[in-house]
Each structure stands twice: as C-alpha cells, then as structure tokens.
Amino acid sequence: MHMQTTSVQALSKAAPQNANHDFVARAPIVAIVDGEAVTTTETIAHETGNEHASVIALVRKYQADFSEFGGVRFQIEPFETAGGMQSREIALMNEQQATLLLTYMRNTAIVREFKKRLVKEFWRLAKAAPAAPADLSKLEILQMALESEKASVLLTVQVEAQATKIEHLENLFKEGMTATQFCKGLNGVNVMQIGHYLEGRNWLYNESKSGTRWRVGSYARDKYMTEHQHEVAPHGKDPFISFTPVLLRKGAVRLYELYLAGQLPMKKNWDGLHTHDKAVRGAA
C-alpha cells in the first residue's frame, strides 16, 4: 500500500517515554494512505484508553453505518508482544468514519480530548498543499494553490460545523432518555407529535386500544431504541409490567440527522435555527 506520509505502523506505536515514564512526544494519529487522510482503530483505542478488540468489534458491528462514508479498509498488521511478533486486524478510518466511531463511544474526558486533537490533525493535513511539479507554469501553480486554498477553507468550515454538531448531540443525549426527552433539547421540535411521528416510521407502535401505550417496533428494536420495564402495583389491583421505550445512541444520532434534514414535526413558530446554530449565535 503506497504511503505518502506517516506509515500505518507508526500510527500504532505509543508515544515514547523517558525514564520517569513521562510521555516526551506524541505519536502521529493521522496518516495519508493512497491520497486519503486516515487514522486506525489501534490509534483510536490507544488514545482513548480502550482495548483494541472492543474498538474493532464496534467497527464490525456497525460496519454498514461506517460504509455510508466510504468503504472500511481492514488489514493485518504485525505487533510486538513479550512472546514475540504477532498479528492483528485493524481498520483504517477516514475523517467521517473516525468521527462517527467516537460518537459511539462513551463521552469521557479522554475521548473528548482525543476528538479535538483528531479534528485538528485531519484539518492540518487537509491544508497541506501538494508540492507543485517542476514542469508546471507559474500561472498553473498559482491556480493550483488557489484551488487548494478554496478547498481548505471549505473543509475547515465543514469540519468545524461537524464538530459543533457532534458536541451538541453528545451534550443532549443521555443514556435512558425517551425520544420525547431527547427532542425537548432540539430547538423548534413539536415534542407532542414525536410519538406519532415515530409510529409512522415504524419505530413505535401503540399496544393500547383505548389510549396510548407505546412499545418499540421490531424495525427499531435494539437498533434505534430499546425498552425499560418496571412493575407497577396500583392500590387494590394486581401489579403489572410497564414498558418505557428509550433511545439508544444510534437512535439519537438518527433523530438528530432527521432534525437537521427538516423531517421532524416542528412548531409553527420555530425561528428556523437548529440547536447548535442557536448556541453558536448566542455565544457570538
């Protein structure tokens, strides 16, 4: 595989340490592979304090999600152990895939810190203009530089917007939230209609013939939503099991995508700003 900058193997190496076991330099976290900036699951696992086996398992489990942003490339890499050289499977992740993978992890301080470093490094490589061939005219070189600068500015805007959206999504979502609770944090959404909206998308169904008692549909079960159950014991009546549909992280991501696409039921007096837009404007 042709490498243009840092090798994939170098991404898998931990930063060197001194005699006091202090990190004296940071190993590279992004490399250019076949003309594309990528990181690896091994790098992500190391930098976020996770076992690589659990990270690569996450990629395999949600491979269809990651494939929406390009084919996931798997390869076998050697690594040293106390017992000698062994090999393991790693995955190469482009910027969008790596960002999505981090949203599927617990939003700890170390994950947030690495996410910021990763965005900055992808951004830095995107801004690095390729060397101009010697046989190009000065005008052609200037035109190439101008196009590169335009692409860099556009990518910068896209990366910053994506990072802002992801940050607000993670601030909004908490484990055990219902869809209605999650949507209360989305500016302009008519939360009174969310249940029926999700029923129309086959996420929920109403098991009650006389009222409203939502259950998770087979289409969304364990994909976008799950159920919490608890026993209810009314005074003077037999106890029964109550089910509460709650969002999974992937369900929150999907709802946020539908929100940004303008497909959720919105209030008539919505000001047209999405949650992250409103936060950015308020901070300006």
Protein backbone atom coordinates (compact mmCIF):
# COMPACT_ATOMS: atom_id res chain seq x y z
CA MET A 1 0.00 0.00 0.00
CA HIS A 2 1.55 3.33 -1.07
CA MET A 3 2.24 5.73 1.78
CA GLN A 4 2.72 9.44 1.21
CA THR A 5 3.49 10.49 4.78
CA THR A 6 3.48 8.63 8.09
CA SER A 7 3.17 4.85 7.85
CA VAL A 8 0.17 2.99 9.24
CA GLN A 9 2.52 1.05 11.51
CA ALA A 10 3.74 4.32 13.02
CA LEU A 11 0.18 5.22 13.97
CA SER A 12 0.00 2.09 16.09
CA LYS A 13 3.06 2.94 18.16
CA ALA A 14 2.64 4.57 21.55
CA ALA A 15 4.40 7.85 22.21
CA PRO A 16 7.98 7.41 23.55
CA GLN A 17 8.58 7.77 27.28
CA ASN A 18 11.54 8.88 29.40
CA ALA A 19 12.95 7.12 32.45
CA ASN A 20 10.16 8.52 34.60
CA HIS A 21 7.58 7.09 32.16
CA ASP A 22 6.51 10.56 31.10
CA PHE A 23 5.44 10.98 27.51
CA VAL A 24 8.09 13.09 25.77
CA ALA A 25 6.41 13.22 22.34
CA ARG A 26 3.13 12.29 20.79
CA ALA A 27 2.98 9.65 18.11
CA PRO A 28 1.22 10.70 14.88
CA ILE A 29 -2.51 9.97 14.88
CA VAL A 30 -3.32 10.59 11.18
CA ALA A 31 -1.50 9.47 8.02
CA ILE A 32 -2.04 9.84 4.27
CA VAL A 33 -2.78 6.45 2.71
CA ASP A 34 -3.39 6.28 -1.04
CA GLY A 35 -4.08 10.00 -1.11
CA GLU A 36 -6.57 9.97 1.80
CA ALA A 37 -6.07 11.08 5.39
CA VAL A 38 -6.86 8.18 7.74
CA THR A 39 -6.38 7.04 11.30
CA THR A 40 -6.60 3.47 12.60
CA THR A 41 -8.67 1.61 15.15
CA GLU A 42 -5.44 0.82 17.00
CA THR A 43 -4.67 4.55 17.28
CA ILE A 44 -8.21 5.32 18.43
CA ALA A 45 -8.11 2.51 21.00
CA HIS A 46 -4.72 3.59 22.36
CA GLU A 47 -5.56 7.30 22.53
CA THR A 48 -8.96 6.78 24.20
CA GLY A 49 -7.79 4.16 26.70
CA ASN A 50 -9.87 1.33 25.21
CA GLU A 51 -8.98 -2.24 24.32
CA HIS A 52 -8.42 -2.58 20.59
CA ALA A 53 -10.52 -5.74 20.50
CA SER A 54 -13.57 -3.79 21.68
CA VAL A 55 -12.97 -0.95 19.19
CA ILE A 56 -12.57 -3.24 16.17
CA ALA A 57 -15.66 -5.17 17.33
CA LEU A 58 -17.59 -1.88 17.33
CA VAL A 59 -16.50 -1.24 13.74
CA ARG A 60 -17.56 -4.72 12.68
CA LYS A 61 -20.92 -4.38 14.45
CA TYR A 62 -21.77 -1.06 12.79
CA GLN A 63 -19.85 -1.55 9.54
CA ALA A 64 -22.94 -0.65 7.50
CA ASP A 65 -23.03 2.75 9.24
CA PHE A 66 -19.37 3.46 8.54
CA SER A 67 -19.71 2.32 4.92
CA GLU A 68 -22.04 5.26 4.30
CA PHE A 69 -18.88 7.39 4.43
CA GLY A 70 -16.72 5.14 2.25
CA GLY A 71 -15.58 1.54 2.27
CA VAL A 72 -13.97 0.44 5.53
CA ARG A 73 -10.48 -0.89 4.83
CA PHE A 74 -9.28 -3.77 7.01
CA GLN A 75 -5.73 -5.04 7.06
CA ILE A 76 -3.46 -7.28 9.11
CA GLU A 77 -0.64 -5.55 10.99
CA PRO A 78 2.21 -7.13 12.99
CA PHE A 79 2.87 -6.06 16.57
CA GLU A 80 5.39 -7.00 19.23
CA THR A 81 4.50 -8.85 22.42
CA ALA A 82 6.54 -10.35 25.23
CA GLY A 83 6.20 -13.69 23.46
CA GLY A 84 7.38 -12.38 20.08
CA MET A 85 5.76 -10.96 16.97
CA GLN A 86 2.03 -11.49 16.44
CA SER A 87 -0.53 -10.07 14.03
CA ARG A 88 -3.96 -8.49 14.39
CA GLU A 89 -6.65 -6.98 12.24
CA ILE A 90 -7.01 -3.20 12.22
CA ALA A 91 -9.30 -0.89 10.29
CA LEU A 92 -8.34 2.32 8.51
CA MET A 93 -10.88 5.09 9.17
CA ASN A 94 -11.28 8.30 7.22
CA GLU A 95 -12.31 11.52 8.98
CA GLN A 96 -16.07 10.94 8.83
CA GLN A 97 -15.76 7.29 9.88
CA ALA A 98 -13.45 8.09 12.80
CA THR A 99 -15.76 10.89 13.96
CA LEU A 100 -18.77 8.56 13.84
CA LEU A 101 -16.87 5.84 15.72
CA LEU A 102 -16.08 8.28 18.52
CA THR A 103 -19.75 9.19 18.87
CA TYR A 104 -20.48 5.50 19.54
CA MET A 105 -18.06 5.55 22.49
CA ARG A 106 -18.69 6.86 25.99
CA ASN A 107 -18.16 10.63 26.01
CA THR A 108 -15.38 10.66 28.61
CA ALA A 109 -12.85 13.45 29.10
CA ILE A 110 -10.11 11.44 27.35
CA VAL A 111 -12.40 10.75 24.37
CA ARG A 112 -13.30 14.43 24.06
CA GLU A 113 -9.66 15.48 24.26
CA PHE A 114 -8.63 12.98 21.58
CA LYS A 115 -11.55 14.05 19.38
CA LYS A 116 -10.27 17.64 19.38
CA ARG A 117 -6.74 16.50 18.52
CA LEU A 118 -8.06 14.29 15.75
CA VAL A 119 -10.13 17.07 14.15
CA LYS A 120 -7.13 19.42 14.28
CA GLU A 121 -4.83 16.83 12.70
CA PHE A 122 -7.23 15.99 9.87
CA TRP A 123 -7.61 19.72 9.32
CA ARG A 124 -3.84 20.25 9.30
CA LEU A 125 -3.27 17.55 6.68
CA ALA A 126 -6.11 18.87 4.56
CA LYS A 127 -4.45 22.31 4.49
CA ALA A 128 -1.06 20.92 3.45
CA ALA A 129 -0.82 21.70 -0.27
CA PRO A 130 0.92 19.12 -2.51
CA ALA A 131 4.30 20.03 -4.00
CA ALA A 132 3.97 21.61 -7.43
CA PRO A 133 5.51 19.62 -10.33
CA ALA A 134 8.57 21.29 -11.85
CA ASP A 135 7.13 21.39 -15.38
CA LEU A 136 4.08 23.50 -14.46
CA SER A 137 3.96 27.16 -15.36
CA LYS A 138 3.78 29.83 -12.66
CA LEU A 139 0.17 30.54 -13.65
CA GLU A 140 -0.77 26.88 -13.31
CA ILE A 141 0.96 26.69 -9.94
CA LEU A 142 -0.93 29.78 -8.75
CA GLN A 143 -4.21 28.32 -9.97
CA MET A 144 -3.47 25.05 -8.12
CA ALA A 145 -2.65 26.99 -4.96
CA LEU A 146 -5.86 28.99 -5.25
CA GLU A 147 -7.99 25.86 -5.70
CA SER A 148 -6.21 24.20 -2.79
CA GLU A 149 -6.89 27.22 -0.56
CA LYS A 150 -10.56 27.25 -1.57
CA ALA A 151 -10.86 23.54 -0.75
CA SER A 152 -9.05 24.11 2.55
CA VAL A 153 -11.43 26.89 3.61
CA LEU A 154 -14.46 24.78 2.67
CA LEU A 155 -13.13 21.77 4.56
CA THR A 156 -12.37 23.93 7.59
CA VAL A 157 -15.95 25.19 7.68
CA GLN A 158 -17.30 21.65 7.25
CA VAL A 159 -15.04 20.18 9.96
CA GLU A 160 -15.89 22.94 12.44
CA ALA A 161 -19.61 22.61 11.71
CA GLN A 162 -19.44 18.83 12.07
CA ALA A 163 -17.52 19.09 15.35
CA THR A 164 -20.05 21.61 16.69
CA LYS A 165 -23.00 19.38 15.75
CA ILE A 166 -21.42 16.31 17.34
CA GLU A 167 -20.56 18.22 20.52
CA HIS A 168 -24.14 19.42 20.91
CA LEU A 169 -25.53 15.98 20.11
CA GLU A 170 -23.41 14.41 22.84
CA ASN A 171 -24.41 17.13 25.30
CA LEU A 172 -28.07 16.44 24.52
CA PHE A 173 -28.09 12.65 24.68
CA LYS A 174 -28.06 10.77 27.98
CA GLU A 175 -28.48 7.04 28.43
CA GLY A 176 -32.07 6.07 29.25
CA MET A 177 -33.67 9.08 27.54
CA THR A 178 -37.00 8.75 25.80
CA ALA A 179 -37.37 10.18 22.30
CA THR A 180 -39.56 12.96 23.68
CA GLN A 181 -36.98 13.91 26.32
CA PHE A 182 -34.24 14.00 23.68
CA CYS A 183 -36.32 16.11 21.30
CA LYS A 184 -37.05 18.65 24.04
CA GLY A 185 -33.42 19.69 23.61
CA LEU A 186 -33.86 20.27 19.86
CA ASN A 187 -34.90 23.85 19.15
CA GLY A 188 -38.27 24.08 17.42
CA VAL A 189 -39.36 20.42 17.56
CA ASN A 190 -43.03 19.79 18.37
CA VAL A 191 -42.49 17.11 21.02
CA MET A 192 -46.24 16.47 21.33
CA GLN A 193 -46.14 14.83 17.89
CA ILE A 194 -42.94 12.79 18.27
CA GLY A 195 -44.69 9.59 19.38
CA HIS A 196 -47.00 9.54 16.38
CA TYR A 197 -44.15 10.57 14.09
CA LEU A 198 -42.05 7.61 15.24
CA GLU A 199 -45.09 5.38 14.87
CA GLY A 200 -45.20 6.44 11.22
CA ARG A 201 -41.55 5.43 10.82
CA ASN A 202 -42.23 2.02 12.44
CA TRP A 203 -40.07 2.81 15.46
CA LEU A 204 -43.06 2.60 17.81
CA TYR A 205 -46.49 1.04 17.91
CA ASN A 206 -49.47 1.60 20.21
CA GLU A 207 -50.50 -1.58 22.01
CA SER A 208 -53.50 0.07 23.67
CA LYS A 209 -56.92 0.07 22.01
CA SER A 210 -58.39 2.74 24.26
CA GLY A 211 -55.44 5.07 24.93
CA THR A 212 -51.75 5.45 24.21
CA ARG A 213 -49.23 2.89 25.38
CA TRP A 214 -46.11 2.96 23.20
CA ARG A 215 -43.93 -0.09 22.57
CA VAL A 216 -40.80 -0.39 20.44
CA GLY A 217 -41.43 -1.85 16.99
CA SER A 218 -39.37 -4.71 15.60
CA TYR A 219 -37.78 -2.42 12.98
CA ALA A 220 -36.19 -0.14 15.60
CA ARG A 221 -35.70 -2.62 18.47
CA ASP A 222 -32.04 -2.89 19.54
CA LYS A 223 -31.13 -0.70 16.56
CA TYR A 224 -32.50 2.72 17.42
CA MET A 225 -34.47 2.02 20.61
CA THR A 226 -34.92 -0.42 23.46
CA GLU A 227 -37.35 -0.74 26.37
CA HIS A 228 -37.03 -0.27 30.11
CA GLN A 229 -39.56 -2.24 32.13
CA HIS A 230 -40.71 -1.93 35.71
CA GLU A 231 -43.51 -3.32 37.83
CA VAL A 232 -46.46 -1.09 38.67
CA ALA A 233 -48.58 -2.05 41.70
CA PRO A 234 -51.80 0.04 41.84
CA HIS A 235 -53.54 0.10 45.20
CA GLY A 236 -56.13 -2.63 45.36
CA LYS A 237 -55.26 -4.03 41.95
CA ASP A 238 -52.96 -6.69 40.58
CA PRO A 239 -49.44 -5.49 39.68
CA PHE A 240 -48.47 -5.29 36.02
CA ILE A 241 -45.34 -4.64 33.94
CA SER A 242 -44.98 -1.22 32.33
CA PHE A 243 -42.68 -0.67 29.32
CA THR A 244 -40.95 2.62 28.52
CA PRO A 245 -39.35 3.00 25.06
CA VAL A 246 -35.92 4.68 25.35
CA LEU A 247 -33.40 5.81 22.76
CA LEU A 248 -30.13 4.08 22.02
CA ARG A 249 -27.17 6.25 20.97
CA LYS A 250 -27.64 5.31 17.32
CA GLY A 251 -31.29 6.30 17.58
CA ALA A 252 -30.30 9.71 18.93
CA VAL A 253 -27.86 10.15 16.05
CA ARG A 254 -30.57 9.23 13.55
CA LEU A 255 -33.12 11.59 15.14
CA TYR A 256 -30.55 14.39 15.02
CA GLU A 257 -29.94 13.68 11.32
CA LEU A 258 -33.70 13.82 10.67
CA TYR A 259 -33.85 17.06 12.66
CA LEU A 260 -31.12 18.68 10.54
CA ALA A 261 -32.84 17.43 7.37
CA GLY A 262 -36.07 19.16 8.42
CA GLN A 263 -38.05 15.93 8.69
CA LEU A 264 -39.15 16.09 12.34
CA PRO A 265 -42.51 17.70 13.23
CA MET A 266 -41.73 21.34 14.01
CA LYS A 267 -43.61 24.07 15.84
CA LYS A 268 -45.34 26.70 13.72
CA ASN A 269 -43.43 29.48 15.48
CA TRP A 270 -39.99 27.86 15.03
CA ASP A 271 -37.33 30.53 14.46
CA GLY A 272 -35.52 28.44 11.83
CA LEU A 273 -32.43 27.88 13.95
CA HIS A 274 -31.22 24.41 14.88
CA THR A 275 -29.95 23.79 18.39
CA HIS A 276 -26.25 24.11 17.52
CA ASP A 277 -26.92 27.17 15.32
CA LYS A 278 -28.70 28.86 18.22
CA ALA A 279 -25.89 28.02 20.63
CA VAL A 280 -23.24 29.37 18.26
CA ARG A 281 -25.23 32.57 17.64
CA GLY A 282 -25.77 33.01 21.38
CA ALA A 283 -22.04 32.73 22.03
CA ALA A 284 -21.14 35.20 19.29
